PDB file of all heavy atoms in Angstrom:
ATOM      1  N   ILE A   1     101.598  78.220 -46.018  1.00  0.00           N
ATOM      2  CA  ILE A   1     101.903  79.644 -45.797  1.00  0.00           C
ATOM      3  C   ILE A   1     100.606  80.455 -45.830  1.00  0.00           C
ATOM      4  O   ILE A   1     100.328  81.226 -44.898  1.00  0.00           O
ATOM      5  CB  ILE A   1     102.881  80.142 -46.903  1.00  0.00           C
ATOM      6  CG1 ILE A   1     104.226  79.514 -46.747  1.00  0.00           C
ATOM      7  CG2 ILE A   1     102.971  81.670 -46.855  1.00  0.00           C
ATOM      8  CD1 ILE A   1     104.917  79.833 -45.441  1.00  0.00           C
ATOM      9  N   PHE A   2      99.783  80.265 -46.884  1.00  0.00           N
ATOM     10  CA  PHE A   2      98.601  81.109 -47.009  1.00  0.00           C
ATOM     11  C   PHE A   2      97.548  80.831 -45.908  1.00  0.00           C
ATOM     12  O   PHE A   2      97.102  81.723 -45.184  1.00  0.00           O
ATOM     13  CB  PHE A   2      97.987  80.898 -48.364  1.00  0.00           C
ATOM     14  CG  PHE A   2      96.926  81.923 -48.739  1.00  0.00           C
ATOM     15  CD1 PHE A   2      97.232  83.092 -49.382  1.00  0.00           C
ATOM     16  CD2 PHE A   2      95.582  81.678 -48.374  1.00  0.00           C
ATOM     17  CE1 PHE A   2      96.267  84.021 -49.689  1.00  0.00           C
ATOM     18  CE2 PHE A   2      94.595  82.603 -48.687  1.00  0.00           C
ATOM     19  CZ  PHE A   2      94.924  83.755 -49.343  1.00  0.00           C
ATOM     20  N   ALA A   3      97.174  79.539 -45.787  1.00  0.00           N
ATOM     21  CA  ALA A   3      96.176  79.170 -44.787  1.00  0.00           C
ATOM     22  C   ALA A   3      96.694  79.406 -43.350  1.00  0.00           C
ATOM     23  O   ALA A   3      95.957  79.867 -42.481  1.00  0.00           O
ATOM     24  CB  ALA A   3      95.735  77.727 -44.956  1.00  0.00           C
ATOM     25  N   GLY A   4      97.999  79.075 -43.146  1.00  0.00           N
ATOM     26  CA  GLY A   4      98.554  79.250 -41.809  1.00  0.00           C
ATOM     27  C   GLY A   4      98.635  80.715 -41.378  1.00  0.00           C
ATOM     28  O   GLY A   4      98.243  81.082 -40.254  1.00  0.00           O
ATOM     29  N   LEU A   5      99.080  81.606 -42.298  1.00  0.00           N
ATOM     30  CA  LEU A   5      99.144  83.039 -41.986  1.00  0.00           C
ATOM     31  C   LEU A   5      97.749  83.614 -41.734  1.00  0.00           C
ATOM     32  O   LEU A   5      97.566  84.456 -40.883  1.00  0.00           O
ATOM     33  CB  LEU A   5      99.860  83.790 -43.119  1.00  0.00           C
ATOM     34  CG  LEU A   5     101.363  83.567 -43.199  1.00  0.00           C
ATOM     35  CD1 LEU A   5     101.930  84.334 -44.405  1.00  0.00           C
ATOM     36  CD2 LEU A   5     102.069  84.007 -41.914  1.00  0.00           C
ATOM     37  N   PHE A   6      96.793  83.125 -42.533  1.00  0.00           N
ATOM     38  CA  PHE A   6      95.418  83.648 -42.360  1.00  0.00           C
ATOM     39  C   PHE A   6      94.920  83.257 -40.948  1.00  0.00           C
ATOM     40  O   PHE A   6      94.344  84.119 -40.250  1.00  0.00           O
ATOM     41  CB  PHE A   6      94.502  83.062 -43.396  1.00  0.00           C
ATOM     42  CG  PHE A   6      93.095  83.574 -43.317  1.00  0.00           C
ATOM     43  CD1 PHE A   6      92.721  84.720 -43.979  1.00  0.00           C
ATOM     44  CD2 PHE A   6      92.151  82.898 -42.566  1.00  0.00           C
ATOM     45  CE1 PHE A   6      91.421  85.214 -43.902  1.00  0.00           C
ATOM     46  CE2 PHE A   6      90.834  83.368 -42.481  1.00  0.00           C
ATOM     47  CZ  PHE A   6      90.479  84.546 -43.145  1.00  0.00           C
ATOM     48  N   CYS A   7      95.114  82.024 -40.548  1.00  0.00           N
ATOM     49  CA  CYS A   7      94.633  81.553 -39.219  1.00  0.00           C
ATOM     50  C   CYS A   7      95.362  82.282 -38.100  1.00  0.00           C
ATOM     51  O   CYS A   7      94.742  82.687 -37.077  1.00  0.00           O
ATOM     52  CB  CYS A   7      94.787  80.059 -39.112  1.00  0.00           C
ATOM     53  SG  CYS A   7      93.680  79.115 -40.197  1.00  0.00           S
ATOM     54  N   VAL A   8      96.669  82.467 -38.231  1.00  0.00           N
ATOM     55  CA  VAL A   8      97.439  83.162 -37.202  1.00  0.00           C
ATOM     56  C   VAL A   8      96.990  84.627 -37.101  1.00  0.00           C
ATOM     57  O   VAL A   8      96.827  85.164 -36.019  1.00  0.00           O
ATOM     58  CB  VAL A   8      98.954  83.087 -37.500  1.00  0.00           C
ATOM     59  CG1 VAL A   8      99.724  83.954 -36.570  1.00  0.00           C
ATOM     60  CG2 VAL A   8      99.423  81.624 -37.376  1.00  0.00           C
ATOM     61  N   ALA A   9      96.773  85.248 -38.263  1.00  0.00           N
ATOM     62  CA  ALA A   9      96.331  86.645 -38.251  1.00  0.00           C
ATOM     63  C   ALA A   9      94.950  86.750 -37.598  1.00  0.00           C
ATOM     64  O   ALA A   9      94.687  87.694 -36.803  1.00  0.00           O
ATOM     65  CB  ALA A   9      96.267  87.184 -39.685  1.00  0.00           C
ATOM     66  N   PHE A  10      94.057  85.799 -37.879  1.00  0.00           N
ATOM     67  CA  PHE A  10      92.729  85.847 -37.265  1.00  0.00           C
ATOM     68  C   PHE A  10      92.830  85.598 -35.759  1.00  0.00           C
ATOM     69  O   PHE A  10      92.105  86.200 -34.986  1.00  0.00           O
ATOM     70  CB  PHE A  10      91.811  84.822 -37.910  1.00  0.00           C
ATOM     71  CG  PHE A  10      90.421  84.892 -37.407  1.00  0.00           C
ATOM     72  CD1 PHE A  10      89.532  85.925 -37.775  1.00  0.00           C
ATOM     73  CD2 PHE A  10      89.930  83.919 -36.521  1.00  0.00           C
ATOM     74  CE1 PHE A  10      88.244  85.987 -37.293  1.00  0.00           C
ATOM     75  CE2 PHE A  10      88.637  84.000 -36.040  1.00  0.00           C
ATOM     76  CZ  PHE A  10      87.791  85.014 -36.412  1.00  0.00           C
ATOM     77  N   ALA A  11      93.753  84.718 -35.333  1.00  0.00           N
ATOM     78  CA  ALA A  11      93.946  84.478 -33.919  1.00  0.00           C
ATOM     79  C   ALA A  11      94.449  85.738 -33.212  1.00  0.00           C
ATOM     80  O   ALA A  11      94.012  86.035 -32.095  1.00  0.00           O
ATOM     81  CB  ALA A  11      94.932  83.326 -33.699  1.00  0.00           C
ATOM     82  N   CYS A  12      95.325  86.464 -33.876  1.00  0.00           N
ATOM     83  CA  CYS A  12      95.807  87.718 -33.258  1.00  0.00           C
ATOM     84  C   CYS A  12      94.692  88.737 -33.118  1.00  0.00           C
ATOM     85  O   CYS A  12      94.565  89.390 -32.068  1.00  0.00           O
ATOM     86  CB  CYS A  12      96.940  88.283 -34.126  1.00  0.00           C
ATOM     87  SG  CYS A  12      98.450  87.284 -34.112  1.00  0.00           S
ATOM     88  N   THR A  13      93.881  88.897 -34.160  1.00  0.00           N
ATOM     89  CA  THR A  13      92.761  89.827 -34.087  1.00  0.00           C
ATOM     90  C   THR A  13      91.730  89.379 -33.052  1.00  0.00           C
ATOM     91  O   THR A  13      91.114  90.231 -32.397  1.00  0.00           O
ATOM     92  CB  THR A  13      92.074  89.997 -35.425  1.00  0.00           C
ATOM     93  OG1 THR A  13      91.617  88.692 -35.937  1.00  0.00           O
ATOM     94  CG2 THR A  13      93.077  90.557 -36.478  1.00  0.00           C
ATOM     95  N   ASP A  14      91.558  88.059 -32.901  1.00  0.00           N
ATOM     96  CA  ASP A  14      90.637  87.549 -31.908  1.00  0.00           C
ATOM     97  C   ASP A  14      91.105  87.849 -30.497  1.00  0.00           C
ATOM     98  O   ASP A  14      90.305  88.267 -29.647  1.00  0.00           O
ATOM     99  CB  ASP A  14      90.484  86.035 -32.099  1.00  0.00           C
ATOM    100  CG  ASP A  14      89.456  85.444 -31.163  1.00  0.00           C
ATOM    101  OD1 ASP A  14      88.316  85.939 -31.094  1.00  0.00           O
ATOM    102  OD2 ASP A  14      89.779  84.495 -30.425  1.00  0.00           O
ATOM    103  N   GLU A  15      92.389  87.702 -30.251  1.00  0.00           N
ATOM    104  CA  GLU A  15      92.948  88.044 -28.922  1.00  0.00           C
ATOM    105  C   GLU A  15      92.846  89.558 -28.681  1.00  0.00           C
ATOM    106  O   GLU A  15      92.546  89.988 -27.559  1.00  0.00           O
ATOM    107  CB  GLU A  15      94.386  87.559 -28.822  1.00  0.00           C
ATOM    108  CG  GLU A  15      94.549  86.070 -28.790  1.00  0.00           C
ATOM    109  CD  GLU A  15      93.873  85.402 -27.615  1.00  0.00           C
ATOM    110  OE1 GLU A  15      93.921  85.992 -26.483  1.00  0.00           O
ATOM    111  OE2 GLU A  15      93.234  84.370 -27.807  1.00  0.00           O
ATOM    112  N   PHE A  16      93.073  90.357 -29.711  1.00  0.00           N
ATOM    113  CA  PHE A  16      92.928  91.805 -29.582  1.00  0.00           C
ATOM    114  C   PHE A  16      91.485  92.178 -29.282  1.00  0.00           C
ATOM    115  O   PHE A  16      91.209  93.096 -28.473  1.00  0.00           O
ATOM    116  CB  PHE A  16      93.403  92.488 -30.866  1.00  0.00           C
ATOM    117  CG  PHE A  16      93.269  93.960 -30.832  1.00  0.00           C
ATOM    118  CD1 PHE A  16      94.107  94.750 -30.071  1.00  0.00           C
ATOM    119  CD2 PHE A  16      92.287  94.599 -31.582  1.00  0.00           C
ATOM    120  CE1 PHE A  16      93.967  96.140 -30.008  1.00  0.00           C
ATOM    121  CE2 PHE A  16      92.157  96.009 -31.576  1.00  0.00           C
ATOM    122  CZ  PHE A  16      93.003  96.757 -30.783  1.00  0.00           C
ATOM    123  N   HIS A  17      90.570  91.441 -29.901  1.00  0.00           N
ATOM    124  CA  HIS A  17      89.129  91.682 -29.655  1.00  0.00           C
ATOM    125  C   HIS A  17      88.783  91.377 -28.195  1.00  0.00           C
ATOM    126  O   HIS A  17      87.974  92.104 -27.574  1.00  0.00           O
ATOM    127  CB  HIS A  17      88.291  90.833 -30.602  1.00  0.00           C
ATOM    128  CG  HIS A  17      86.870  90.707 -30.194  1.00  0.00           C
ATOM    129  ND1 HIS A  17      86.281  89.444 -29.970  1.00  0.00           N
ATOM    130  CD2 HIS A  17      85.883  91.619 -29.952  1.00  0.00           C
ATOM    131  CE1 HIS A  17      85.028  89.635 -29.595  1.00  0.00           C
ATOM    132  NE2 HIS A  17      84.753  90.932 -29.599  1.00  0.00           N
ATOM    133  N   GLN A  18      89.393  90.368 -27.587  1.00  0.00           N
ATOM    134  CA  GLN A  18      89.116  90.006 -26.244  1.00  0.00           C
ATOM    135  C   GLN A  18      89.574  91.045 -25.217  1.00  0.00           C
ATOM    136  O   GLN A  18      89.082  91.109 -24.088  1.00  0.00           O
ATOM    137  CB  GLN A  18      89.760  88.657 -25.892  1.00  0.00           C
ATOM    138  CG  GLN A  18      89.148  87.469 -26.606  1.00  0.00           C
ATOM    139  CD  GLN A  18      89.793  86.142 -26.204  1.00  0.00           C
ATOM    140  OE1 GLN A  18      90.193  85.967 -25.083  1.00  0.00           O
ATOM    141  NE2 GLN A  18      89.871  85.216 -27.157  1.00  0.00           N
ATOM    142  N   SER A  19      90.506  91.904 -25.662  1.00  0.00           N
ATOM    143  CA  SER A  19      90.971  92.968 -24.749  1.00  0.00           C
ATOM    144  C   SER A  19      89.868  94.004 -24.477  1.00  0.00           C
ATOM    145  O   SER A  19      89.993  94.802 -23.529  1.00  0.00           O
ATOM    146  CB  SER A  19      92.183  93.658 -25.330  1.00  0.00           C
ATOM    147  OG  SER A  19      91.890  94.301 -26.556  1.00  0.00           O
ATOM    148  N   PHE A  20      88.840  94.014 -25.301  1.00  0.00           N
ATOM    149  CA  PHE A  20      87.710  94.952 -25.091  1.00  0.00           C
ATOM    150  C   PHE A  20      86.535  94.292 -24.407  1.00  0.00           C
ATOM    151  O   PHE A  20      85.496  94.948 -24.214  1.00  0.00           O
ATOM    152  CB  PHE A  20      87.265  95.501 -26.451  1.00  0.00           C
ATOM    153  CG  PHE A  20      88.308  96.267 -27.187  1.00  0.00           C
ATOM    154  CD1 PHE A  20      89.076  95.666 -28.181  1.00  0.00           C
ATOM    155  CD2 PHE A  20      88.550  97.604 -26.876  1.00  0.00           C
ATOM    156  CE1 PHE A  20      90.056  96.368 -28.846  1.00  0.00           C
ATOM    157  CE2 PHE A  20      89.546  98.311 -27.566  1.00  0.00           C
ATOM    158  CZ  PHE A  20      90.283  97.714 -28.536  1.00  0.00           C
ATOM    159  N   VAL A  21      86.672  93.001 -24.062  1.00  0.00           N
ATOM    160  CA  VAL A  21      85.564  92.291 -23.402  1.00  0.00           C
ATOM    161  C   VAL A  21      85.821  92.229 -21.927  1.00  0.00           C
ATOM    162  O   VAL A  21      86.964  91.977 -21.476  1.00  0.00           O
ATOM    163  CB  VAL A  21      85.465  90.836 -23.963  1.00  0.00           C
ATOM    164  CG1 VAL A  21      84.315  90.081 -23.290  1.00  0.00           C
ATOM    165  CG2 VAL A  21      85.216  90.920 -25.503  1.00  0.00           C
ATOM    166  N   ALA A  22      84.779  92.467 -21.115  1.00  0.00           N
ATOM    167  CA  ALA A  22      84.915  92.444 -19.664  1.00  0.00           C
ATOM    168  C   ALA A  22      85.392  91.108 -19.154  1.00  0.00           C
ATOM    169  O   ALA A  22      84.830  90.055 -19.514  1.00  0.00           O
ATOM    170  CB  ALA A  22      83.568  92.817 -19.029  1.00  0.00           C
ATOM    171  N   GLY A  23      86.440  91.128 -18.331  1.00  0.00           N
ATOM    172  CA  GLY A  23      86.929  89.913 -17.726  1.00  0.00           C
ATOM    173  C   GLY A  23      87.816  89.063 -18.647  1.00  0.00           C
ATOM    174  O   GLY A  23      88.196  87.944 -18.273  1.00  0.00           O
ATOM    175  N   ARG A  24      88.119  89.605 -19.838  1.00  0.00           N
ATOM    176  CA  ARG A  24      88.964  88.846 -20.772  1.00  0.00           C
ATOM    177  C   ARG A  24      90.206  89.671 -21.051  1.00  0.00           C
ATOM    178  O   ARG A  24      90.208  90.891 -20.941  1.00  0.00           O
ATOM    179  CB  ARG A  24      88.215  88.577 -22.084  1.00  0.00           C
ATOM    180  CG  ARG A  24      86.884  87.883 -21.968  1.00  0.00           C
ATOM    181  CD  ARG A  24      87.022  86.404 -21.575  1.00  0.00           C
ATOM    182  NE  ARG A  24      87.637  85.611 -22.603  1.00  0.00           N
ATOM    183  CZ  ARG A  24      86.957  84.994 -23.560  1.00  0.00           C
ATOM    184  NH1 ARG A  24      85.615  85.128 -23.607  1.00  0.00           N
ATOM    185  NH2 ARG A  24      87.550  84.251 -24.442  1.00  0.00           N
ATOM    186  N   SER A  25      91.269  89.006 -21.461  1.00  0.00           N
ATOM    187  CA  SER A  25      92.506  89.701 -21.797  1.00  0.00           C
ATOM    188  C   SER A  25      93.259  88.909 -22.870  1.00  0.00           C
ATOM    189  O   SER A  25      93.143  87.660 -22.916  1.00  0.00           O
ATOM    190  CB  SER A  25      93.405  89.855 -20.525  1.00  0.00           C
ATOM    191  OG  SER A  25      93.707  88.583 -20.017  1.00  0.00           O
ATOM    192  N   PRO A  26      93.985  89.569 -23.755  1.00  0.00           N
ATOM    193  CA  PRO A  26      94.738  88.849 -24.794  1.00  0.00           C
ATOM    194  C   PRO A  26      95.901  88.066 -24.186  1.00  0.00           C
ATOM    195  O   PRO A  26      96.493  88.470 -23.168  1.00  0.00           O
ATOM    196  CB  PRO A  26      95.226  90.001 -25.685  1.00  0.00           C
ATOM    197  CG  PRO A  26      95.266  91.175 -24.847  1.00  0.00           C
ATOM    198  CD  PRO A  26      94.181  91.025 -23.834  1.00  0.00           C
ATOM    199  N   ALA A  27      96.251  86.979 -24.850  1.00  0.00           N
ATOM    200  CA  ALA A  27      97.365  86.120 -24.359  1.00  0.00           C
ATOM    201  C   ALA A  27      98.118  85.551 -25.547  1.00  0.00           C
ATOM    202  O   ALA A  27      97.534  84.997 -26.472  1.00  0.00           O
ATOM    203  CB  ALA A  27      96.815  84.984 -23.491  1.00  0.00           C
TER     204      ALA A  27
END
């Protein structure tokens, strides 16, 4: 639960970060 939620949360923020990068989009 703890490690899994942390990794999923970081993956979500990473995809959100890519929405601000040229030529990248969240998926």
